[in-house]
Every structure is written in C-alpha cells, then in structure tokens.
Protein backbone atom coordinates (compact mmCIF):
# COMPACT_ATOMS: atom_id res chain seq x y z
CA UNK A 1 10.55 -5.85 7.43
CA UNK A 2 11.15 -8.37 10.21
CA UNK A 3 14.51 -8.44 11.97
CA UNK A 4 16.82 -11.20 10.70
CA UNK A 5 17.40 -13.80 13.40
CA UNK A 6 20.34 -16.19 13.51
CA UNK A 7 18.31 -19.16 12.29
CA UNK A 8 17.04 -17.34 9.22
CA UNK A 9 20.41 -16.05 8.09
CA UNK A 10 22.00 -19.42 8.78
CA UNK A 11 19.37 -21.14 6.67
CA UNK A 12 20.01 -18.75 3.79
CA UNK A 13 23.76 -19.21 4.28
CA UNK A 14 23.46 -22.95 3.96
CA UNK A 15 21.18 -22.68 0.94
CA UNK A 16 23.55 -20.27 -0.79
CA UNK A 17 26.71 -22.29 -0.21
CA UNK A 18 25.18 -25.71 -0.71
CA UNK A 19 27.92 -27.15 1.48
CA UNK A 20 26.85 -26.77 5.09
CA UNK A 21 24.11 -28.11 7.31
CA UNK A 22 22.00 -25.06 8.27
CA UNK A 23 21.49 -26.53 11.74
CA UNK A 24 25.16 -27.21 12.33
CA UNK A 25 27.06 -25.12 14.84
CA UNK A 26 29.85 -22.96 13.43
CA UNK A 27 33.06 -24.95 13.51
CA UNK A 28 36.07 -23.66 15.41
CA UNK A 29 39.08 -22.92 13.26
CA UNK A 30 42.21 -22.72 15.40
CA UNK A 31 43.87 -19.35 15.11
CA UNK A 32 40.97 -17.80 13.21
CA UNK A 33 39.23 -14.67 14.43
CA UNK A 34 35.58 -15.66 14.67
CA UNK A 35 34.56 -12.29 13.29
CA UNK A 36 36.39 -13.20 10.07
CA UNK A 37 35.27 -16.82 10.03
CA UNK A 38 33.34 -17.71 6.88
CA UNK A 39 30.25 -18.56 8.91
CA UNK A 40 30.31 -15.31 10.84
CA UNK A 41 31.07 -13.30 7.72
CA UNK A 42 28.08 -14.72 5.89
CA UNK A 43 25.81 -14.06 8.84
CA UNK A 44 27.04 -10.48 9.08
CA UNK A 45 26.62 -10.03 5.35
CA UNK A 46 23.03 -11.26 5.28
CA UNK A 47 22.17 -9.13 8.31
CA UNK A 48 23.69 -6.04 6.71
CA UNK A 49 21.87 -6.62 3.41
CA UNK A 50 18.62 -6.90 5.34
CA UNK A 51 19.44 -3.62 7.13
CA UNK A 52 20.18 -1.84 3.85
CA UNK A 53 16.90 -3.00 2.34
CA UNK A 54 15.00 -2.18 5.53
CA UNK A 55 16.47 1.32 5.61
CA UNK A 56 15.75 2.09 1.96
CA UNK A 57 12.24 0.63 2.02
CA UNK A 58 11.44 2.54 5.22
CA UNK A 59 12.40 6.00 3.96
CA UNK A 60 8.91 7.00 2.85
CA UNK A 61 7.29 5.95 6.12
CA UNK A 62 9.43 8.01 8.46
CA UNK A 63 10.31 11.60 9.22
CA UNK A 64 12.67 13.19 6.73
CA UNK A 65 14.59 14.93 9.51
CA UNK A 66 15.29 13.35 12.90
CA UNK A 67 13.69 14.91 15.99
CA UNK A 68 16.63 14.94 18.43
CA UNK A 69 18.82 17.97 19.13
CA UNK A 70 22.62 17.82 18.81
CA UNK A 71 22.83 17.68 22.61
CA UNK A 72 20.36 14.81 22.75
CA UNK A 73 22.28 12.86 20.13
CA UNK A 74 25.59 13.47 21.88
CA UNK A 75 24.07 12.07 25.06
CA UNK A 76 22.57 9.10 23.21
CA UNK A 77 25.93 8.04 21.78
CA UNK A 78 28.13 9.01 24.73
CA UNK A 79 29.88 5.95 26.18
CA UNK A 80 33.40 4.99 27.25
CA UNK A 81 35.68 3.15 24.88
CA UNK A 82 34.64 -0.54 25.19
CA UNK A 83 37.20 -2.78 26.83
CA UNK A 84 35.64 -5.83 25.18
CA UNK A 85 33.69 -6.17 21.95
CA UNK A 86 29.90 -6.47 21.96
CA UNK A 87 27.93 -9.14 20.07
CA UNK A 88 27.25 -8.25 16.46
CA UNK A 89 23.49 -8.51 17.01
CA UNK A 90 23.81 -5.62 19.49
CA UNK A 91 25.38 -3.47 16.78
CA UNK A 92 22.54 -4.37 14.42
CA UNK A 93 20.03 -3.36 17.05
CA UNK A 94 21.81 -0.03 17.62
CA UNK A 95 21.83 0.73 13.92
CA UNK A 96 18.11 0.07 13.76
CA UNK A 97 17.09 1.90 16.92
CA UNK A 98 19.64 4.68 17.35
CA UNK A 99 21.30 5.42 14.01
CA UNK A 100 18.56 5.03 11.40
CA UNK A 101 15.87 7.11 13.15
CA UNK A 102 18.31 10.00 13.60
CA UNK A 103 19.58 10.38 10.05
CA UNK A 104 18.51 12.79 7.36
CA UNK A 105 16.39 10.65 5.04
CA UNK A 106 18.58 11.08 1.97
CA UNK A 107 16.93 9.19 -0.86
CA UNK A 108 13.39 9.89 0.35
CA UNK A 109 11.04 11.28 -2.27
CA UNK A 110 10.27 13.99 0.30
CA UNK A 111 13.90 15.15 0.54
CA UNK A 112 14.55 18.28 -1.55
CA UNK A 113 17.70 19.52 0.11
CA UNK A 114 21.25 19.86 -1.05
CA UNK A 115 22.79 17.94 -3.93
CA UNK A 116 22.60 14.57 -2.19
CA UNK A 117 21.26 11.82 -4.45
CA UNK A 118 19.24 8.70 -3.89
CA UNK A 119 22.23 6.36 -4.46
CA UNK A 120 21.98 3.56 -6.98
CA UNK A 121 21.71 0.14 -5.25
CA UNK A 122 24.49 -1.31 -7.41
CA UNK A 123 26.77 1.47 -6.15
CA UNK A 124 25.75 0.79 -2.55
CA UNK A 125 26.93 -2.79 -2.85
CA UNK A 126 29.97 -1.75 -4.85
CA UNK A 127 30.99 0.07 -1.66
CA UNK A 128 31.11 -3.27 0.16
CA UNK A 129 33.19 -4.88 -2.60
CA UNK A 130 35.53 -1.90 -2.55
CA UNK A 131 35.98 -2.23 1.21
CA UNK A 132 36.47 -6.00 1.04
CA UNK A 133 39.23 -5.74 -1.57
CA UNK A 134 40.71 -2.73 0.29
CA UNK A 135 42.79 -1.70 -2.70
CA UNK A 136 44.98 1.35 -2.30
CA UNK A 137 44.35 2.97 -5.66
CA UNK A 138 47.38 5.20 -5.21
CA UNK A 139 49.60 2.83 -7.19
CA UNK A 140 49.23 0.27 -9.95
CA UNK A 141 51.07 -2.38 -7.95
CA UNK A 142 48.53 -2.23 -5.11
CA UNK A 143 45.44 -1.95 -7.31
CA UNK A 144 46.17 -3.37 -10.77
CA UNK A 145 42.62 -4.05 -11.95
CA UNK A 146 41.38 -1.02 -10.02
CA UNK A 147 43.83 1.22 -11.86
CA UNK A 148 42.65 -0.13 -15.21
CA UNK A 149 39.03 0.48 -14.18
CA UNK A 150 39.77 4.05 -13.12
CA UNK A 151 41.59 4.74 -16.39
CA UNK A 152 38.57 3.42 -18.29
CA UNK A 153 36.05 5.51 -16.35
CA UNK A 154 38.21 8.64 -16.71
CA UNK A 155 38.34 8.01 -20.45
CA UNK A 156 34.54 7.69 -20.56
CA UNK A 157 34.14 11.00 -18.75
CA UNK A 158 36.72 12.79 -20.90
CA UNK A 159 34.96 11.58 -24.03
CA UNK A 160 31.55 12.63 -22.70
CA UNK A 161 32.83 16.18 -22.16
CA UNK A 162 34.52 16.30 -25.56
CA UNK A 163 38.11 16.49 -24.29
CA UNK A 164 40.91 15.36 -26.63
CA UNK A 165 42.60 11.98 -26.72
CA UNK A 166 45.55 13.13 -24.59
CA UNK A 167 43.27 14.28 -21.77
CA UNK A 168 43.24 12.42 -18.48
CA UNK A 169 42.17 12.90 -14.88
CA UNK A 170 41.86 11.40 -11.45
CA UNK A 171 39.19 10.66 -8.88
CA UNK A 172 39.37 12.70 -5.69
CA UNK A 173 37.39 12.99 -2.47
CA UNK A 174 34.96 15.57 -3.83
CA UNK A 175 34.45 18.73 -5.84
CA UNK A 176 36.34 20.92 -3.37
CA UNK A 177 39.56 18.94 -3.83
CA UNK A 178 39.00 18.97 -7.60
CA UNK A 179 38.61 22.76 -7.62
CA UNK A 180 41.74 23.20 -5.51
CA UNK A 181 43.60 20.96 -7.95
CA UNK A 182 42.33 22.97 -10.92
CA UNK A 183 43.63 26.23 -9.46
CA UNK A 184 46.96 24.61 -8.62
CA UNK A 185 47.29 23.57 -12.26
CA UNK A 186 46.50 27.13 -13.32
CA UNK A 187 49.28 28.44 -11.07
CA UNK A 188 51.73 25.89 -12.45
CA UNK A 189 50.91 26.85 -16.00
CA UNK A 190 51.22 30.57 -15.27
CA UNK A 191 54.57 30.17 -13.51
CA UNK A 192 55.88 27.49 -15.86
CA UNK A 193 56.57 25.07 -13.07
CA UNK A 194 55.68 21.53 -12.08
CA UNK A 195 56.99 19.16 -9.45
CA UNK A 196 58.85 17.46 -12.27
CA UNK A 197 60.94 20.56 -13.03
CA UNK A 198 60.91 22.47 -9.74
CA UNK A 199 64.29 23.71 -8.60
CA UNK A 200 64.38 22.78 -4.93
CA UNK A 201 67.04 25.43 -4.22
CA UNK A 202 65.03 28.41 -5.45
CA UNK A 203 63.11 30.38 -2.80
CA UNK A 204 59.48 31.30 -3.46
CA UNK A 205 59.35 34.39 -5.65
CA UNK A 206 57.00 37.34 -5.94
CA UNK A 207 55.41 36.02 -9.14
CA UNK A 208 52.69 34.19 -7.24
CA UNK A 209 51.43 37.46 -5.75
CA UNK A 210 50.85 38.87 -9.25
CA UNK A 211 48.43 36.13 -10.31
CA UNK A 212 44.68 36.79 -10.37
CA UNK A 213 41.73 34.40 -10.59
CA UNK A 214 38.16 35.14 -11.69
CA UNK A 215 34.88 33.53 -10.63
CA UNK A 216 31.27 34.69 -10.32
CA UNK A 217 29.95 35.73 -6.93
CA UNK A 218 27.89 32.53 -7.05
CA UNK A 219 31.04 30.39 -7.21
CA UNK A 220 31.47 27.58 -4.71
CA UNK A 221 33.12 28.33 -1.37
CA UNK A 222 35.89 25.85 -2.23
CA UNK A 223 37.54 28.52 -4.38
CA UNK A 224 38.04 30.68 -1.30
CA UNK A 225 39.61 27.68 0.44
CA UNK A 226 41.74 27.00 -2.62
CA UNK A 227 43.07 30.56 -2.67
CA UNK A 228 44.07 30.29 0.98
CA UNK A 229 45.58 26.81 0.73
CA UNK A 230 47.61 27.76 -2.35
CA UNK A 231 49.14 30.78 -0.68
CA UNK A 232 47.09 33.44 -2.46
CA UNK A 233 45.69 36.55 -0.86
CA UNK A 234 41.89 36.88 -0.70
CA UNK A 235 42.00 39.80 -3.15
CA UNK A 236 43.65 37.62 -5.79
CA UNK A 237 40.36 35.77 -6.19
CA UNK A 238 38.18 38.26 -8.04
CA UNK A 239 34.46 37.73 -7.44
CA UNK A 240 32.66 39.07 -10.49
CA UNK A 241 29.07 40.41 -10.38
CA UNK A 242 26.16 38.54 -11.96
CA UNK A 243 23.84 39.10 -14.87
CA UNK A 244 20.07 38.85 -14.51
CA UNK A 245 20.22 35.02 -14.70
CA UNK A 246 22.79 34.70 -11.89
CA UNK A 247 25.63 33.96 -14.32
CA UNK A 248 28.97 35.72 -14.37
CA UNK A 249 28.66 39.14 -16.00
CA UNK A 250 30.91 38.94 -19.06
CA UNK A 251 31.24 42.71 -19.45
CA UNK A 252 32.26 43.16 -15.81
CA UNK A 253 34.68 40.24 -16.15
CA UNK A 254 36.49 41.69 -19.15
CA UNK A 255 36.70 45.12 -17.55
CA UNK A 256 38.37 43.51 -14.54
CA UNK A 257 40.78 41.57 -16.75
CA UNK A 258 41.78 44.72 -18.60
CA UNK A 259 42.23 46.69 -15.38
CA UNK A 260 44.33 43.95 -13.79
CA UNK A 261 46.67 43.70 -16.78
CA UNK A 262 47.01 47.49 -16.89
CA UNK A 263 47.91 47.39 -13.20
CA UNK A 264 50.79 44.99 -13.76
CA UNK A 265 48.96 41.85 -12.60
CA UNK A 266 48.81 38.56 -14.48
CA UNK A 267 45.39 36.97 -15.03
CA UNK A 268 45.93 33.27 -14.39
CA UNK A 269 42.59 31.47 -14.39
CA UNK A 270 39.00 32.09 -15.45
CA UNK A 271 36.51 29.83 -13.67
CA UNK A 272 33.20 28.91 -15.25
CA UNK A 273 30.35 27.43 -13.21
CA UNK A 274 28.22 24.73 -14.83
CA UNK A 275 25.39 24.65 -12.31
CA UNK A 276 25.70 26.89 -9.27
CA UNK A 277 24.70 25.47 -5.90
CA UNK A 278 22.25 28.30 -5.23
CA UNK A 279 20.33 28.48 -8.50
CA UNK A 280 21.70 25.88 -10.93
CA UNK A 281 22.78 28.70 -13.27
CA UNK A 282 25.29 27.85 -16.00
CA UNK A 283 27.78 30.48 -17.10
CA UNK A 284 28.24 31.17 -20.81
CA UNK A 285 31.10 28.71 -21.08
CA UNK A 286 31.94 29.33 -24.75
CA UNK A 287 32.27 33.06 -24.08
CA UNK A 288 34.47 32.36 -21.06
CA UNK A 289 36.64 30.07 -23.19
CA UNK A 290 37.08 32.94 -25.67
CA UNK A 291 38.15 35.29 -22.88
CA UNK A 292 40.52 32.72 -21.41
CA UNK A 293 42.17 32.29 -24.80
CA UNK A 294 42.36 36.05 -25.40
CA UNK A 295 43.99 36.79 -22.04
CA UNK A 296 46.14 33.68 -21.79
CA UNK A 297 44.27 32.21 -18.82
CA UNK A 298 43.76 28.64 -17.70
CA UNK A 299 40.05 27.82 -18.14
CA UNK A 300 38.62 25.75 -15.29
CA UNK A 301 34.95 24.67 -15.25
CA UNK A 302 33.27 23.64 -12.01
CA UNK A 303 30.72 21.14 -13.32
CA UNK A 304 30.29 19.38 -9.98
CA UNK A 305 26.52 19.78 -10.15
CA UNK A 306 25.50 20.42 -13.75
CA UNK A 307 28.05 18.19 -15.46
CA UNK A 308 25.60 15.27 -15.57
CA UNK A 309 23.52 16.99 -18.27
CA UNK A 310 26.30 15.97 -20.67
CA UNK A 311 24.71 12.51 -20.52
CA UNK A 312 21.56 13.80 -22.20
CA UNK A 313 20.81 14.69 -25.79
CA UNK A 314 18.09 17.12 -24.70
CA UNK A 315 20.13 19.40 -22.45
CA UNK A 316 23.83 18.84 -23.15
CA UNK A 317 23.97 21.97 -25.32
CA UNK A 318 23.68 23.92 -22.05
CA UNK A 319 27.35 23.02 -21.58
CA UNK A 320 28.52 24.28 -24.99
CA UNK A 321 32.11 25.40 -24.60
CA UNK A 322 33.02 23.00 -21.80
CA UNK A 323 34.98 20.93 -24.32
CA UNK A 324 37.45 23.85 -24.47
CA UNK A 325 38.18 23.74 -20.74
CA UNK A 326 41.69 23.07 -19.47
CA UNK A 327 40.25 21.32 -16.42
CA UNK A 328 36.77 20.21 -15.33
CA UNK A 329 35.47 19.34 -11.87
CA UNK A 330 32.95 16.48 -11.80
CA UNK A 331 31.11 15.07 -8.81
CA UNK A 332 29.56 11.63 -9.44
CA UNK A 333 28.16 11.68 -5.89
CA UNK A 334 25.75 14.34 -7.09
CA UNK A 335 23.76 13.77 -10.28
CA UNK A 336 25.40 10.48 -11.21
CA UNK A 337 23.63 9.02 -8.13
CA UNK A 338 26.81 7.70 -6.49
CA UNK A 339 27.23 7.38 -2.71
CA UNK A 340 29.61 9.80 -1.02
CA UNK A 341 32.41 10.43 -1.70
CA UNK A 342 33.23 10.39 -5.40
CA UNK A 343 34.63 13.51 -7.05
CA UNK A 344 37.00 13.90 -9.95
CA UNK A 345 39.01 16.28 -12.08
CA UNK A 346 39.48 15.95 -15.84
CA UNK A 347 42.42 17.73 -17.49
CA UNK A 348 42.90 18.56 -21.17
CA UNK A 349 46.64 17.84 -21.03
CA UNK A 350 47.04 14.63 -19.06
CA UNK A 351 50.83 14.78 -19.16
CA UNK A 352 50.73 18.25 -17.57
CA UNK A 353 48.54 16.90 -14.77
CA UNK A 354 51.03 14.12 -14.11
CA UNK A 355 54.15 16.24 -14.18
CA UNK A 356 52.48 18.79 -11.90
CA UNK A 357 52.32 16.19 -9.12
CA UNK A 358 55.12 13.79 -10.11
CA UNK A 359 57.15 12.49 -7.16
CA UNK A 360 59.45 9.47 -6.79
CA UNK A 361 59.62 8.40 -3.12
CA UNK A 362 62.50 6.13 -2.10
CA UNK A 363 60.22 3.13 -1.69
CA UNK A 364 58.63 3.66 -5.11
CA UNK A 365 59.28 0.45 -7.06
CA UNK A 366 58.79 1.67 -10.63
CA UNK A 367 61.63 3.29 -12.50
CA UNK A 368 61.59 5.95 -15.18
CA UNK A 369 61.62 4.48 -18.67
CA UNK A 370 64.76 5.00 -20.73
CA UNK A 371 64.61 6.22 -24.28
CA UNK A 372 66.59 4.64 -27.12
CA UNK A 373 70.16 5.86 -27.03
CA UNK A 374 70.18 6.49 -23.28
CA UNK A 375 68.36 8.33 -20.53
CA UNK A 376 66.06 11.29 -21.17
CA UNK A 377 67.53 14.24 -19.28
CA UNK A 378 66.40 17.81 -18.84
CA UNK A 379 68.64 20.88 -19.25
CA UNK A 380 69.95 20.44 -15.71
CA UNK A 381 70.76 16.77 -16.18
CA UNK A 382 67.74 15.55 -14.20
CA UNK A 383 66.15 12.28 -15.33
CA UNK A 384 62.83 12.84 -17.06
CA UNK A 385 59.97 10.38 -16.78
CA UNK A 386 58.47 10.07 -20.24
CA UNK A 387 56.00 7.27 -19.62
CA UNK A 388 52.53 8.06 -20.91
CA UNK A 389 49.24 6.92 -19.38
CA UNK A 390 47.79 6.50 -22.87
CA UNK A 391 50.50 4.03 -23.98
CA UNK A 392 49.57 1.14 -21.73
CA UNK A 393 52.14 1.83 -19.04
CA UNK A 394 51.55 1.42 -15.33
CA UNK A 395 49.69 4.41 -13.94
CA UNK A 396 50.23 5.41 -10.31
CA UNK A 397 47.47 7.80 -9.36
CA UNK A 398 49.36 9.28 -6.40
CA UNK A 399 51.39 11.03 -9.14
CA UNK A 400 48.27 12.70 -10.58
CA UNK A 401 47.01 14.72 -7.62
CA UNK A 402 47.36 15.77 -4.01
CA UNK A 403 46.17 12.49 -2.47
CA UNK A 404 48.46 9.63 -1.58
CA UNK A 405 46.43 6.73 -0.21
CA UNK A 406 43.09 6.70 -1.99
CA UNK A 407 40.08 4.43 -2.22
CA UNK A 408 38.88 2.78 -5.42
CA UNK A 409 36.07 5.28 -6.04
CA UNK A 410 35.96 4.43 -9.74
CA UNK A 411 34.53 0.98 -9.02
CA UNK A 412 31.11 2.42 -8.11
CA UNK A 413 30.77 4.44 -11.28
CA UNK A 414 32.16 1.65 -13.45
CA UNK A 415 29.56 -0.79 -12.09
CA UNK A 416 26.80 1.82 -12.35
CA UNK A 417 27.54 2.80 -15.95
CA UNK A 418 27.68 -0.85 -16.98
CA UNK A 419 24.46 -1.67 -15.12
CA UNK A 420 22.43 1.36 -16.17
CA UNK A 421 23.90 2.69 -19.41
CA UNK A 422 24.01 6.28 -20.61
CA UNK A 423 20.47 6.37 -22.00
CA UNK A 424 18.80 5.52 -18.72
CA UNK A 425 21.00 7.97 -16.88
CA UNK A 426 19.89 10.60 -19.37
CA UNK A 427 16.22 9.79 -18.72
CA UNK A 428 16.67 10.29 -14.97
CA UNK A 429 18.45 13.63 -15.35
CA UNK A 430 15.85 14.88 -17.85
CA UNK A 431 13.03 13.86 -15.52
CA UNK A 432 14.57 15.70 -12.57
CA UNK A 433 14.82 18.88 -14.66
CA UNK A 434 11.24 18.49 -15.83
CA UNK A 435 9.99 18.02 -12.26
CA UNK A 436 11.77 21.19 -11.17
CA UNK A 437 10.02 23.07 -13.98
CA UNK A 438 6.66 21.64 -12.94
CA UNK A 439 7.34 22.85 -9.39
CA UNK A 440 8.14 26.34 -10.70
CA UNK A 441 4.91 26.36 -12.70
CA UNK A 442 2.88 25.32 -9.64
CA UNK A 443 4.49 27.96 -7.42
CA UNK A 444 3.82 30.68 -9.99
CA UNK A 445 0.12 29.94 -9.55
CA UNK A 446 0.38 30.88 -5.88
CA UNK A 447 -0.36 34.64 -5.71
CA UNK A 448 1.95 35.26 -2.74
CA UNK A 449 4.96 33.28 -4.01
CA UNK A 450 7.30 34.31 -6.80
CA UNK A 451 10.14 32.50 -8.54
CA UNK A 452 13.75 33.64 -8.19
CA UNK A 453 16.54 32.47 -10.47
CA UNK A 454 16.53 30.84 -13.90
CA UNK A 455 15.18 27.38 -12.95
CA UNK A 456 17.76 25.94 -15.37
CA UNK A 457 18.51 22.54 -13.85
CA UNK A 458 16.94 20.74 -10.89
CA UNK A 459 16.98 23.76 -8.56
CA UNK A 460 13.88 25.89 -7.99
CA UNK A 461 14.03 29.01 -5.77
CA UNK A 462 10.97 30.95 -4.66
CA UNK A 463 10.03 33.50 -2.01
CA UNK A 464 6.89 33.90 0.06
CA UNK A 465 5.59 37.47 0.35
CA UNK A 466 2.06 37.49 1.84
CA UNK A 467 -0.42 39.97 0.40
CA UNK A 468 -3.83 41.25 1.44
CA UNK A 469 -7.09 41.17 -0.50
CA UNK A 470 -6.09 44.36 -2.32
CA UNK A 471 -2.87 42.64 -3.45
CA UNK A 472 -0.72 44.88 -1.28
CA UNK A 473 2.26 43.56 0.67
CA UNK A 474 1.46 42.75 4.30
CA UNK A 475 5.05 42.98 5.55
CA UNK A 476 8.36 44.62 4.65
CA UNK A 477 11.38 42.78 3.26
CA UNK A 478 12.95 41.99 6.64
CA UNK A 479 9.70 40.56 7.99
CA UNK A 480 9.27 38.48 4.84
CA UNK A 481 12.81 37.15 5.27
CA UNK A 482 11.83 35.85 8.69
CA UNK A 483 8.57 34.41 7.39
CA UNK A 484 10.48 32.36 4.82
CA UNK A 485 12.88 31.10 7.49
CA UNK A 486 9.90 30.22 9.68
CA UNK A 487 8.25 28.29 6.86
CA UNK A 488 11.38 26.22 6.23
CA UNK A 489 11.89 25.61 9.95
CA UNK A 490 8.33 24.42 10.51
CA UNK A 491 8.44 21.99 7.60
CA UNK A 492 11.76 20.69 8.91
CA UNK A 493 10.46 20.38 12.47
CA UNK A 494 7.31 18.51 11.46
CA UNK A 495 9.35 16.12 9.30
CA UNK A 496 6.98 15.87 6.32
CA UNK A 497 9.63 17.11 3.87
CA UNK A 498 12.96 18.88 3.83
CA UNK A 499 14.27 21.75 1.73
CA UNK A 500 16.66 24.58 2.49
CA UNK A 501 16.71 28.33 2.29
CA UNK A 502 19.36 30.59 0.79
CA UNK A 503 19.94 34.25 -0.02
CA UNK A 504 19.50 35.76 -3.46
CA UNK A 505 19.92 39.48 -4.08
CA UNK A 506 20.22 39.92 -0.31
CA UNK A 507 16.81 38.39 0.43
CA UNK A 508 15.90 34.98 1.86
CA UNK A 509 14.56 32.49 -0.67
CA UNK A 510 13.33 28.92 -0.28
CA UNK A 511 15.45 26.47 -2.27
CA UNK A 512 14.22 23.11 -3.57
CA UNK A 513 16.61 20.71 -5.28
CA UNK A 514 15.28 17.69 -7.17
CA UNK A 515 17.88 14.95 -7.60
CA UNK A 516 16.10 11.65 -7.15
CA UNK A 517 15.51 9.13 -9.94
CA UNK A 518 12.55 7.70 -7.96
CA UNK A 519 10.64 10.96 -7.70
CA UNK A 520 7.40 11.51 -9.64
CA UNK A 521 5.04 14.42 -10.30
CA UNK A 522 2.81 13.32 -7.41
CA UNK A 523 5.71 14.05 -5.05
CA UNK A 524 5.91 17.59 -6.44
CA UNK A 525 2.18 18.14 -6.03
CA UNK A 526 2.39 16.91 -2.45
CA UNK A 527 5.23 19.34 -1.71
CA UNK A 528 3.28 22.28 -3.12
CA UNK A 529 0.30 21.39 -0.94
CA UNK A 530 2.55 21.11 2.12
CA UNK A 531 4.12 24.52 1.48
CA UNK A 532 0.73 26.11 0.91
CA UNK A 533 -0.75 24.61 4.06
CA UNK A 534 2.25 25.56 6.18
CA UNK A 535 2.25 29.14 4.88
CA UNK A 536 -1.47 29.50 5.60
CA UNK A 537 -1.04 28.14 9.14
CA UNK A 538 1.81 30.56 9.90
CA UNK A 539 -0.13 33.51 8.53
CA UNK A 540 -3.26 32.55 10.48
CA UNK A 541 -1.25 32.43 13.71
CA UNK A 542 0.21 35.87 13.04
CA UNK A 543 -3.20 37.34 12.42
C-alpha cells in the first residue's frame, strides 16, 4: 500500500466533510493547538487508518518474529527526550520503518503462539473512539453511557454462563486481576467481612492464616501472585496433582480437603480451570462445584481461555457446572478476539461483589439512598448503602473492584457483539477447535512425533523424538528436550511461523495455539510441512 501523502489525505478530508476546498491551506484558529485543529485531526486520522490497514494487510508477507536482538532494539529507539515536537509525518515514517518490522506479527495466519487473537477490526476502531471520549469508567457521573454499556455487556456474559439474575461483574485489566479479585472474594466470604462492614479498629487476626485454597498444578501463575498479594503464605495455595488428561485429580483434591479440615484449617476456595494455558484442559467443573458445596468453599472458575466455548452450541457442554460458580474469570482479549487489554470477573452475588469493595471517598458526589421511615443502619449504627445495580440506580464501578480509574473496555465488546452476533462468534471458535484437531491428526501421522495432552480446545502439544529405521529411539530424554527447543528456535529465527514450547510431565513439548478467525486448513498443512522440513534439516546436520 502506498504511503499517504498530504495531498491525498486532504482530498479525502474535503470529500468527506463536503465543506472545505481540498486545495485550501489549513486556516489558523487563534489559541488553537494545531495538533487538535480539525484539519490536522482529520489528516492524522486518515494517515492512521492507512497505517492500520497497511499493517494488517502486510502481516502475511513479512516475518512473524522480528530479527533484531533486545540490544539492537534498545539502540534503535535510544534518543534523548525531545525539546521540541517532530512533524507528524516523521512519526508515521518511524511507525512504518522502525516499529512495524520489529513486532511479533500477532494476527498473522502463521502465528501459533500464546492466546493472542487476531483482533476484530471493529474493536480496533472502537479503541480510537474509547480514547477520543476518554471516559473514566470508574463512576457513572464521568461515563454515563459507558456505564450503561458495561452493565449491558456484563449482563450478556452472566446470561451466557447461566448465572442468576442477581449476578453482576466488572471489567478489569486482564485475567490475572480477575483471579486476584476472585480469591479476595473467597477470603471475604470465609471471614464474613467486606469493606462495607469492616471494623477499622480491629487488628488483623489469625483467621486468615487458617484459610486454604485449591487449584490444579496446571493453574495460572496469577494464583501464586494472588496468594502473595492477599497476604497468604505459599503453602496456603494447595497445588493438586493431575489426572491423565491434565485436569485436577478429584480424588487427590478431596483427600487434601479432608486432611486440611482434620488439621484445623479452613478450606476457603476451590478453583476450577476452564482451559489451561498449557494444554487447554478443562477441569470437571460440576464435580468441583459438588466438592465446593460439600466443604463450604467459594467456587471460582478461571475461564480466561476456554470461556468462549459458551458461545457455541457444539462445545458449551464442556463447561457444564460453570453456572454453579461463585465467580468466573473471563478474558475477551483472548477468544473473543478483542485487543488488549480486556478482562473481566462475573460474580454470582452482585451485591456481595459491591459491598466487598464499597468505599465512599470525601469527593464522592452520590449519597446512600434512604429507606422509608429513615436511614438504613447496621448493628453499629453505620449507614448502609442499599442501592442495587439491578434496580436502575447509578453504578460506580470503582466500588466493584480494586481499580479506581479505568478505561471503557466494555465498548469494544459491545460493538463487536452487535456487529458480529453470537452465531458467527460460535462459528469462529468451532473452526479454531477443528483446526487444532486437524493439526493433531496430521502430527500423529509423523512417526517421530507424538501428541501430548487432551487436544480439547485450540491447543495442540506434541513432542519430537527421532527414531532410526528399526524404530528405536536415537537419543535419550534430555537430548530430545534440546532437539525440541532447537526446532522451535530455528522456526522462530527463520520467521516463517511462530509457536512456543512448554513442559509437560517434566519433558519439553512443542505447543501450538490456534486462535485466529482468518485461519484455514491450508495454514495448518503449511505448518506441518514447515515442522517436518525443519526437523529433517536439524537431524541431517547432527548426522
């Protein structure tokens, strides 16, 4: 695509507005910053749209992974703080020549890496609208329509997951913050406390040290961070062994629950994983819900990755039991094809979520509603806030989570859902799962590769173990680990595709994640050929 010059964008500007002579010079407006002048803004906008289109259209014709080292990039971008601004066209040139070539080509049909989607175009441009409005979605007063949009999108998500009418939630920066919030809610429920009823004079007690939390050894690292941030000891987060499909072992889990209760500890939260990062495995959520009910635990489900299958009729039964969760982590910037960052937490009891984080700063302009007959007071005479989000009152999202200032992340998903609709979303998710299964089938045909993991969602893991003509292993496990690392590194270095490696059962495995609505079977066949060719080249060099 040709670079946009000033004349071209000016011509389009004049055509679009119908009010200006394309050849006319931009008029001076006394006291107006020229960067915010309508003429300059339109020119910048057209140039940026051209850059977005150029970037997206160019993904398939470039390396997936940039060639420069971290040191080289640091040197490329090293410069003193500018004393004066540079012309906008210089920034455009730098984006084209320095930034774009040195990015990971997220969105390319040859990118099979982490759970980074090819973002929907409508969501890309929703980002610009969000930035232009610059609404602080922390409070209703500063984002009135944005608050209504977020409430609507949260209601859509709660309904999709089968949560009750009094459920609610909030958008957060990502799945990690959502998981931390879920564990905080579990603690509050176990200790019977919220910010709304916390006695500020009471010192922290020993009860927190008695609480225990349970997650599979494939759980996301954010739970370790959550335990630390919430003042828990590492041993309070119990990492439970796996079954043969990399799900939490239910027998081992219940044995641990029984032992902890017998030892005077208090099980607080059972965590189910709906799509692990490593393998895409989904825990038996209904069984976990039963255990949570039996042992009086909060039931949190991390559905950051696999939650999108709830959009489909074909695969949503994989999540059976998620409707019984007390809280659910969702990550629209994964399989909902949203740009970063857009996470969220859904909570069965929306009032409990609110009271867990309810604060009234001095500059807060809304007052607690009064009930008929006078104020609603608690046992200590403290004013209660009885307003409900489901009754049409003003919602202030800073009272529903740890974040204060927050962007209007819901706008992207609202525009995407309305543009695409659930059915088309479902088709994309189903196709990604099918492509991952095709990849697994192709790799099974390779005599020196074998599949690891259940291949449940869009993740396919496999391991290369070269064999001789007599079908005997050529190398031991440690040597094969290095061979798999070498294969990934060479593909990355040559830039024809990108996938990662991980460890399963202590051994290195190659990990391919398919999360791209534009991908087709031909892209899978091409990847298989690339892996085969690279493996053969490495083996030939060793011999």
